[in-house]
Amino acid sequence: MKLGCDGSTAGVVATADEFISIARVLGTQGRRGEVAAELHTGLAERFKAGFKLLALGENDSRRELQIQETWSHKDHLILKFVGVDSISEAESLVGCELQVRRAERAQLKPGWAYISDLVGCTVFNQGQEIGKIVEVKFGAGEAPLLIVRGADKEHEVPYAEAYLQKQDLDRREIRMLLPEGMLELDAPLTAEEKQQQRKK
């Protein structure tokens, strides 16, 4: 399965907000009001001239911005916004989350899913509920890892097409067929199991 990252860093935590953060302003860049931004999306092509964003400040107020120009510099994206023409004006944006409304997210291709749509879904393995997705992590292998929290354990489940039986995001359910023993292998120790290990 493929993921459209609509608000991710290392892991993604649930949010019921109407807005999705797709970037964060790290600092000023240049003398004409440019800023350096860290992207939180795998859809970088959205950042082009004319694209409108909402800048969320520390006081939870939002300000609409329109991209005038954009280019890459090292690992960051440099953004020049319409009407932000000086370093002092750009400084007011440092630390802001750049957001879009959830309803304005880019349309994904068939077979893709947004991370924020996965978080909060209930995961079933062979028909048995194992818990809810609380986070999605990347970098541990080819497939992203779903962090699934059950009643007494947390499991790391690869979000791989080979294990996926059925996905119904409208009903907030993901049904999987995992290899025998996978959940026991990947689950962190419970408090009781840790206590038993200390006794040995």
C-alpha atoms as a PDB file:
ATOM      1  CA  MET A   1       0.000   0.000   0.000  1.00  0.00           C
ATOM      2  CA  LYS A   2       1.123   3.567  -0.635  1.00  0.00           C
ATOM      3  CA  LEU A   3       0.762   6.557   1.655  1.00  0.00           C
ATOM      4  CA  GLY A   4       0.168  10.202   0.880  1.00  0.00           C
ATOM      5  CA  CYS A   5       1.944  12.035   3.665  1.00  0.00           C
ATOM      6  CA  ASP A   6      -0.376  14.876   4.577  1.00  0.00           C
ATOM      7  CA  GLY A   7       1.225  15.912   7.807  1.00  0.00           C
ATOM      8  CA  SER A   8       4.071  13.679   8.783  1.00  0.00           C
ATOM      9  CA  THR A   9       7.480  13.947  10.350  1.00  0.00           C
ATOM     10  CA  ALA A  10       9.061  10.813  11.841  1.00  0.00           C
ATOM     11  CA  GLY A  11       5.689   9.554  13.009  1.00  0.00           C
ATOM     12  CA  VAL A  12       2.175  10.816  12.737  1.00  0.00           C
ATOM     13  CA  VAL A  13      -0.201  11.198  15.652  1.00  0.00           C
ATOM     14  CA  ALA A  14      -3.989  11.465  15.465  1.00  0.00           C
ATOM     15  CA  THR A  15      -5.630  14.833  14.958  1.00  0.00           C
ATOM     16  CA  ALA A  16      -9.330  15.568  14.625  1.00  0.00           C
ATOM     17  CA  ASP A  17      -8.605  19.075  13.373  1.00  0.00           C
ATOM     18  CA  GLU A  18     -10.166  20.467  10.210  1.00  0.00           C
ATOM     19  CA  PHE A  19      -6.697  21.539   9.008  1.00  0.00           C
ATOM     20  CA  ILE A  20      -3.668  19.514   7.857  1.00  0.00           C
ATOM     21  CA  SER A  21      -0.110  20.800   8.370  1.00  0.00           C
ATOM     22  CA  ILE A  22       1.938  20.197   5.233  1.00  0.00           C
ATOM     23  CA  ALA A  23       5.045  22.249   6.104  1.00  0.00           C
ATOM     24  CA  ARG A  24       6.686  24.305   8.855  1.00  0.00           C
ATOM     25  CA  VAL A  25       8.636  27.565   8.494  1.00  0.00           C
ATOM     26  CA  LEU A  26      12.133  27.082   9.921  1.00  0.00           C
ATOM     27  CA  GLY A  27      13.634  30.515   9.351  1.00  0.00           C
ATOM     28  CA  THR A  28      14.189  33.429   7.027  1.00  0.00           C
ATOM     29  CA  GLN A  29      16.206  33.006   3.822  1.00  0.00           C
ATOM     30  CA  GLY A  30      17.372  35.956   1.768  1.00  0.00           C
ATOM     31  CA  ARG A  31      16.495  39.644   1.863  1.00  0.00           C
ATOM     32  CA  ARG A  32      13.186  39.788   0.007  1.00  0.00           C
ATOM     33  CA  GLY A  33      11.021  38.026   2.577  1.00  0.00           C
ATOM     34  CA  GLU A  34      11.823  34.439   1.614  1.00  0.00           C
ATOM     35  CA  VAL A  35      11.533  31.661   4.204  1.00  0.00           C
ATOM     36  CA  ALA A  36      12.992  28.155   4.459  1.00  0.00           C
ATOM     37  CA  ALA A  37      10.364  25.467   5.060  1.00  0.00           C
ATOM     38  CA  GLU A  38      10.486  21.843   6.164  1.00  0.00           C
ATOM     39  CA  LEU A  39       7.963  19.773   4.202  1.00  0.00           C
ATOM     40  CA  HIS A  40       5.598  17.409   6.000  1.00  0.00           C
ATOM     41  CA  THR A  41       4.176  15.979   2.798  1.00  0.00           C
ATOM     42  CA  GLY A  42       5.249  13.621   0.047  1.00  0.00           C
ATOM     43  CA  LEU A  43       3.387  15.792  -2.469  1.00  0.00           C
ATOM     44  CA  ALA A  44       5.960  18.557  -2.925  1.00  0.00           C
ATOM     45  CA  GLU A  45       4.608  19.417  -6.381  1.00  0.00           C
ATOM     46  CA  ARG A  46       1.716  21.240  -4.698  1.00  0.00           C
ATOM     47  CA  PHE A  47       4.086  24.056  -3.701  1.00  0.00           C
ATOM     48  CA  LYS A  48       4.020  26.270  -6.769  1.00  0.00           C
ATOM     49  CA  ALA A  49       3.170  29.855  -7.666  1.00  0.00           C
ATOM     50  CA  GLY A  50      -0.451  30.704  -6.889  1.00  0.00           C
ATOM     51  CA  PHE A  51      -0.940  27.949  -4.288  1.00  0.00           C
ATOM     52  CA  LYS A  52      -2.686  29.268  -1.154  1.00  0.00           C
ATOM     53  CA  LEU A  53      -1.818  28.171   2.383  1.00  0.00           C
ATOM     54  CA  LEU A  54      -2.831  29.088   5.912  1.00  0.00           C
ATOM     55  CA  ALA A  55      -0.054  30.010   8.346  1.00  0.00           C
ATOM     56  CA  LEU A  56      -0.881  28.871  11.890  1.00  0.00           C
ATOM     57  CA  GLY A  57       0.874  31.035  14.473  1.00  0.00           C
ATOM     58  CA  GLU A  58       1.672  30.393  18.136  1.00  0.00           C
ATOM     59  CA  ASN A  59      -1.509  32.194  19.217  1.00  0.00           C
ATOM     60  CA  ASP A  60      -3.605  29.767  17.098  1.00  0.00           C
ATOM     61  CA  SER A  61      -4.524  32.487  14.603  1.00  0.00           C
ATOM     62  CA  ARG A  62      -4.383  31.691  10.883  1.00  0.00           C
ATOM     63  CA  ARG A  63      -3.290  33.974   8.080  1.00  0.00           C
ATOM     64  CA  GLU A  64      -3.792  33.185   4.394  1.00  0.00           C
ATOM     65  CA  LEU A  65      -0.677  33.265   2.226  1.00  0.00           C
ATOM     66  CA  GLN A  66      -0.159  32.814  -1.497  1.00  0.00           C
ATOM     67  CA  ILE A  67       3.060  31.427  -2.956  1.00  0.00           C
ATOM     68  CA  GLN A  68       4.764  33.795  -5.371  1.00  0.00           C
ATOM     69  CA  GLU A  69       7.879  31.744  -6.029  1.00  0.00           C
ATOM     70  CA  THR A  70       9.545  28.571  -4.761  1.00  0.00           C
ATOM     71  CA  TRP A  71      12.826  26.663  -5.146  1.00  0.00           C
ATOM     72  CA  SER A  72      14.850  24.000  -3.363  1.00  0.00           C
ATOM     73  CA  HIS A  73      17.921  24.729  -1.251  1.00  0.00           C
ATOM     74  CA  LYS A  74      19.758  21.843   0.416  1.00  0.00           C
ATOM     75  CA  ASP A  75      17.111  19.787   2.245  1.00  0.00           C
ATOM     76  CA  HIS A  76      14.548  22.578   2.461  1.00  0.00           C
ATOM     77  CA  LEU A  77      12.089  24.380   0.245  1.00  0.00           C
ATOM     78  CA  ILE A  78      12.439  28.150  -0.082  1.00  0.00           C
ATOM     79  CA  LEU A  79       9.127  29.986  -0.297  1.00  0.00           C
ATOM     80  CA  LYS A  80       8.447  33.562  -1.326  1.00  0.00           C
ATOM     81  CA  PHE A  81       4.916  34.679  -0.471  1.00  0.00           C
ATOM     82  CA  VAL A  82       2.939  37.497  -2.090  1.00  0.00           C
ATOM     83  CA  GLY A  83       3.091  40.599   0.140  1.00  0.00           C
ATOM     84  CA  VAL A  84       5.947  39.309   2.340  1.00  0.00           C
ATOM     85  CA  ASP A  85       8.791  41.435   1.028  1.00  0.00           C
ATOM     86  CA  SER A  86      11.263  41.993   3.865  1.00  0.00           C
ATOM     87  CA  ILE A  87      13.242  40.051   6.452  1.00  0.00           C
ATOM     88  CA  SER A  88      11.163  41.524   9.286  1.00  0.00           C
ATOM     89  CA  GLU A  89       7.915  40.431   7.603  1.00  0.00           C
ATOM     90  CA  ALA A  90       9.371  36.962   7.030  1.00  0.00           C
ATOM     91  CA  GLU A  91      10.438  36.717  10.698  1.00  0.00           C
ATOM     92  CA  SER A  92       6.778  36.860  11.737  1.00  0.00           C
ATOM     93  CA  LEU A  93       6.273  33.528   9.933  1.00  0.00           C
ATOM     94  CA  VAL A  94       9.125  31.630  11.608  1.00  0.00           C
ATOM     95  CA  GLY A  95       7.737  28.653  13.521  1.00  0.00           C
ATOM     96  CA  CYS A  96       4.368  28.769  11.757  1.00  0.00           C
ATOM     97  CA  GLU A  97       2.721  25.584  10.525  1.00  0.00           C
ATOM     98  CA  LEU A  98       1.681  25.897   6.882  1.00  0.00           C
ATOM     99  CA  GLN A  99      -1.699  24.251   6.479  1.00  0.00           C
ATOM    100  CA  VAL A 100      -4.499  23.426   4.083  1.00  0.00           C
ATOM    101  CA  ARG A 101      -8.078  22.547   4.952  1.00  0.00           C
ATOM    102  CA  ARG A 102      -8.646  18.805   5.168  1.00  0.00           C
ATOM    103  CA  ALA A 103     -11.249  19.047   2.386  1.00  0.00           C
ATOM    104  CA  GLU A 104      -8.616  20.623   0.096  1.00  0.00           C
ATOM    105  CA  ARG A 105      -6.124  17.780   0.293  1.00  0.00           C
ATOM    106  CA  ALA A 106      -4.741  16.563  -3.014  1.00  0.00           C
ATOM    107  CA  GLN A 107      -6.637  13.663  -4.549  1.00  0.00           C
ATOM    108  CA  LEU A 108      -4.670  10.442  -4.253  1.00  0.00           C
ATOM    109  CA  LYS A 109      -4.342   7.719  -6.865  1.00  0.00           C
ATOM    110  CA  PRO A 110      -6.229   4.437  -6.316  1.00  0.00           C
ATOM    111  CA  GLY A 111      -4.412   2.225  -3.822  1.00  0.00           C
ATOM    112  CA  TRP A 112      -3.060   5.190  -1.841  1.00  0.00           C
ATOM    113  CA  ALA A 113      -4.189   6.331   1.607  1.00  0.00           C
ATOM    114  CA  TYR A 114      -3.512   9.408   3.705  1.00  0.00           C
ATOM    115  CA  ILE A 115      -1.705   8.794   6.986  1.00  0.00           C
ATOM    116  CA  SER A 116      -4.205  10.925   8.888  1.00  0.00           C
ATOM    117  CA  ASP A 117      -6.980   8.641   7.595  1.00  0.00           C
ATOM    118  CA  LEU A 118      -5.201   5.567   8.987  1.00  0.00           C
ATOM    119  CA  VAL A 119      -4.579   6.968  12.471  1.00  0.00           C
ATOM    120  CA  GLY A 120      -7.554   6.069  14.660  1.00  0.00           C
ATOM    121  CA  CYS A 121      -8.615   3.076  12.556  1.00  0.00           C
ATOM    122  CA  THR A 122      -9.267  -0.237  14.309  1.00  0.00           C
ATOM    123  CA  VAL A 123      -7.026  -3.075  13.118  1.00  0.00           C
ATOM    124  CA  PHE A 124      -8.235  -6.674  12.953  1.00  0.00           C
ATOM    125  CA  ASN A 125      -6.043  -9.728  12.433  1.00  0.00           C
ATOM    126  CA  GLN A 126      -7.825 -12.822  11.135  1.00  0.00           C
ATOM    127  CA  GLY A 127     -11.114 -11.312  12.318  1.00  0.00           C
ATOM    128  CA  GLN A 128      -9.906 -10.524  15.853  1.00  0.00           C
ATOM    129  CA  GLU A 129      -9.530  -6.901  16.983  1.00  0.00           C
ATOM    130  CA  ILE A 130      -5.971  -6.079  18.045  1.00  0.00           C
ATOM    131  CA  GLY A 131      -6.275  -2.322  18.683  1.00  0.00           C
ATOM    132  CA  LYS A 132      -6.299   1.153  17.156  1.00  0.00           C
ATOM    133  CA  ILE A 133      -3.602   2.836  15.071  1.00  0.00           C
ATOM    134  CA  VAL A 134      -2.016   5.638  17.127  1.00  0.00           C
ATOM    135  CA  GLU A 135       0.975   6.428  14.912  1.00  0.00           C
ATOM    136  CA  VAL A 136       2.652   5.603  11.594  1.00  0.00           C
ATOM    137  CA  LYS A 137       6.450   5.269  11.433  1.00  0.00           C
ATOM    138  CA  PHE A 138       8.809   5.205   8.481  1.00  0.00           C
ATOM    139  CA  GLY A 139      12.370   4.030   7.873  1.00  0.00           C
ATOM    140  CA  ALA A 140      12.311   0.625   9.581  1.00  0.00           C
ATOM    141  CA  GLY A 141      11.847  -1.297   6.315  1.00  0.00           C
ATOM    142  CA  GLU A 142      10.181  -1.197   2.938  1.00  0.00           C
ATOM    143  CA  ALA A 143       6.692  -0.891   4.438  1.00  0.00           C
ATOM    144  CA  PRO A 144       5.623   1.823   6.916  1.00  0.00           C
ATOM    145  CA  LEU A 145       4.883   0.540  10.412  1.00  0.00           C
ATOM    146  CA  LEU A 146       1.444   0.941  11.940  1.00  0.00           C
ATOM    147  CA  ILE A 147       1.726   1.429  15.701  1.00  0.00           C
ATOM    148  CA  VAL A 148      -1.365  -0.372  16.978  1.00  0.00           C
ATOM    149  CA  ARG A 149      -2.328   0.057  20.630  1.00  0.00           C
ATOM    150  CA  GLY A 150      -4.378  -2.740  22.169  1.00  0.00           C
ATOM    151  CA  ALA A 151      -5.797  -3.150  25.666  1.00  0.00           C
ATOM    152  CA  ASP A 152      -2.473  -4.123  27.226  1.00  0.00           C
ATOM    153  CA  LYS A 153       0.117  -4.098  24.419  1.00  0.00           C
ATOM    154  CA  GLU A 154       1.385  -2.002  21.538  1.00  0.00           C
ATOM    155  CA  HIS A 155       2.178  -3.736  18.247  1.00  0.00           C
ATOM    156  CA  GLU A 156       4.255  -2.705  15.225  1.00  0.00           C
ATOM    157  CA  VAL A 157       2.443  -3.950  12.143  1.00  0.00           C
ATOM    158  CA  PRO A 158       3.909  -3.534   8.625  1.00  0.00           C
ATOM    159  CA  TYR A 159       1.462  -1.725   6.357  1.00  0.00           C
ATOM    160  CA  ALA A 160       2.180  -4.104   3.483  1.00  0.00           C
ATOM    161  CA  GLU A 161      -0.182  -5.124   0.709  1.00  0.00           C
ATOM    162  CA  ALA A 162       0.767  -8.781   1.279  1.00  0.00           C
ATOM    163  CA  TYR A 163      -0.847  -8.660   4.742  1.00  0.00           C
ATOM    164  CA  LEU A 164      -3.827  -6.449   3.922  1.00  0.00           C
ATOM    165  CA  GLN A 165      -7.128  -8.279   3.577  1.00  0.00           C
ATOM    166  CA  LYS A 166      -9.563  -5.349   3.459  1.00  0.00           C
ATOM    167  CA  GLN A 167      -9.453  -1.637   4.182  1.00  0.00           C
ATOM    168  CA  ASP A 168     -12.581   0.407   4.862  1.00  0.00           C
ATOM    169  CA  LEU A 169     -11.567   3.935   5.816  1.00  0.00           C
ATOM    170  CA  ASP A 170     -15.184   5.124   5.955  1.00  0.00           C
ATOM    171  CA  ARG A 171     -15.861   2.574   8.712  1.00  0.00           C
ATOM    172  CA  ARG A 172     -12.375   3.173  10.199  1.00  0.00           C
ATOM    173  CA  GLU A 173     -11.448  -0.518   9.895  1.00  0.00           C
ATOM    174  CA  ILE A 174      -8.382  -2.295   8.542  1.00  0.00           C
ATOM    175  CA  ARG A 175      -8.478  -6.083   8.285  1.00  0.00           C
ATOM    176  CA  MET A 176      -5.209  -7.981   7.956  1.00  0.00           C
ATOM    177  CA  LEU A 177      -3.900 -11.529   7.715  1.00  0.00           C
ATOM    178  CA  LEU A 178      -0.563 -11.436   9.545  1.00  0.00           C
ATOM    179  CA  PRO A 179       1.952 -14.289   9.690  1.00  0.00           C
ATOM    180  CA  GLU A 180       1.607 -16.545  12.720  1.00  0.00           C
ATOM    181  CA  GLY A 181       3.514 -15.164  15.710  1.00  0.00           C
ATOM    182  CA  MET A 182       4.186 -11.691  14.256  1.00  0.00           C
ATOM    183  CA  LEU A 183       2.209  -9.858  16.931  1.00  0.00           C
ATOM    184  CA  GLU A 184       3.956 -11.700  19.759  1.00  0.00           C
ATOM    185  CA  LEU A 185       7.371 -11.079  18.194  1.00  0.00           C
ATOM    186  CA  ASP A 186       7.000  -7.322  17.685  1.00  0.00           C
ATOM    187  CA  ALA A 187       4.993  -6.400  20.760  1.00  0.00           C
ATOM    188  CA  PRO A 188       6.849  -4.519  23.519  1.00  0.00           C
ATOM    189  CA  LEU A 189       6.866  -6.235  26.898  1.00  0.00           C
ATOM    190  CA  THR A 190       3.973  -5.565  29.235  1.00  0.00           C
ATOM    191  CA  ALA A 191       4.646  -4.319  32.792  1.00  0.00           C
ATOM    192  CA  GLU A 192       3.958  -7.859  34.055  1.00  0.00           C
ATOM    193  CA  GLU A 193       6.423  -9.394  31.578  1.00  0.00           C
ATOM    194  CA  LYS A 194       9.109  -6.853  32.531  1.00  0.00           C
ATOM    195  CA  GLN A 195       8.606  -7.724  36.207  1.00  0.00           C
ATOM    196  CA  GLN A 196       8.955 -11.421  35.453  1.00  0.00           C
ATOM    197  CA  GLN A 197      12.201 -10.765  33.558  1.00  0.00           C
ATOM    198  CA  ARG A 198      13.642  -8.837  36.532  1.00  0.00           C
ATOM    199  CA  LYS A 199      12.943 -11.816  38.793  1.00  0.00           C
ATOM    200  CA  LYS A 200      15.001 -14.154  36.597  1.00  0.00           C
END
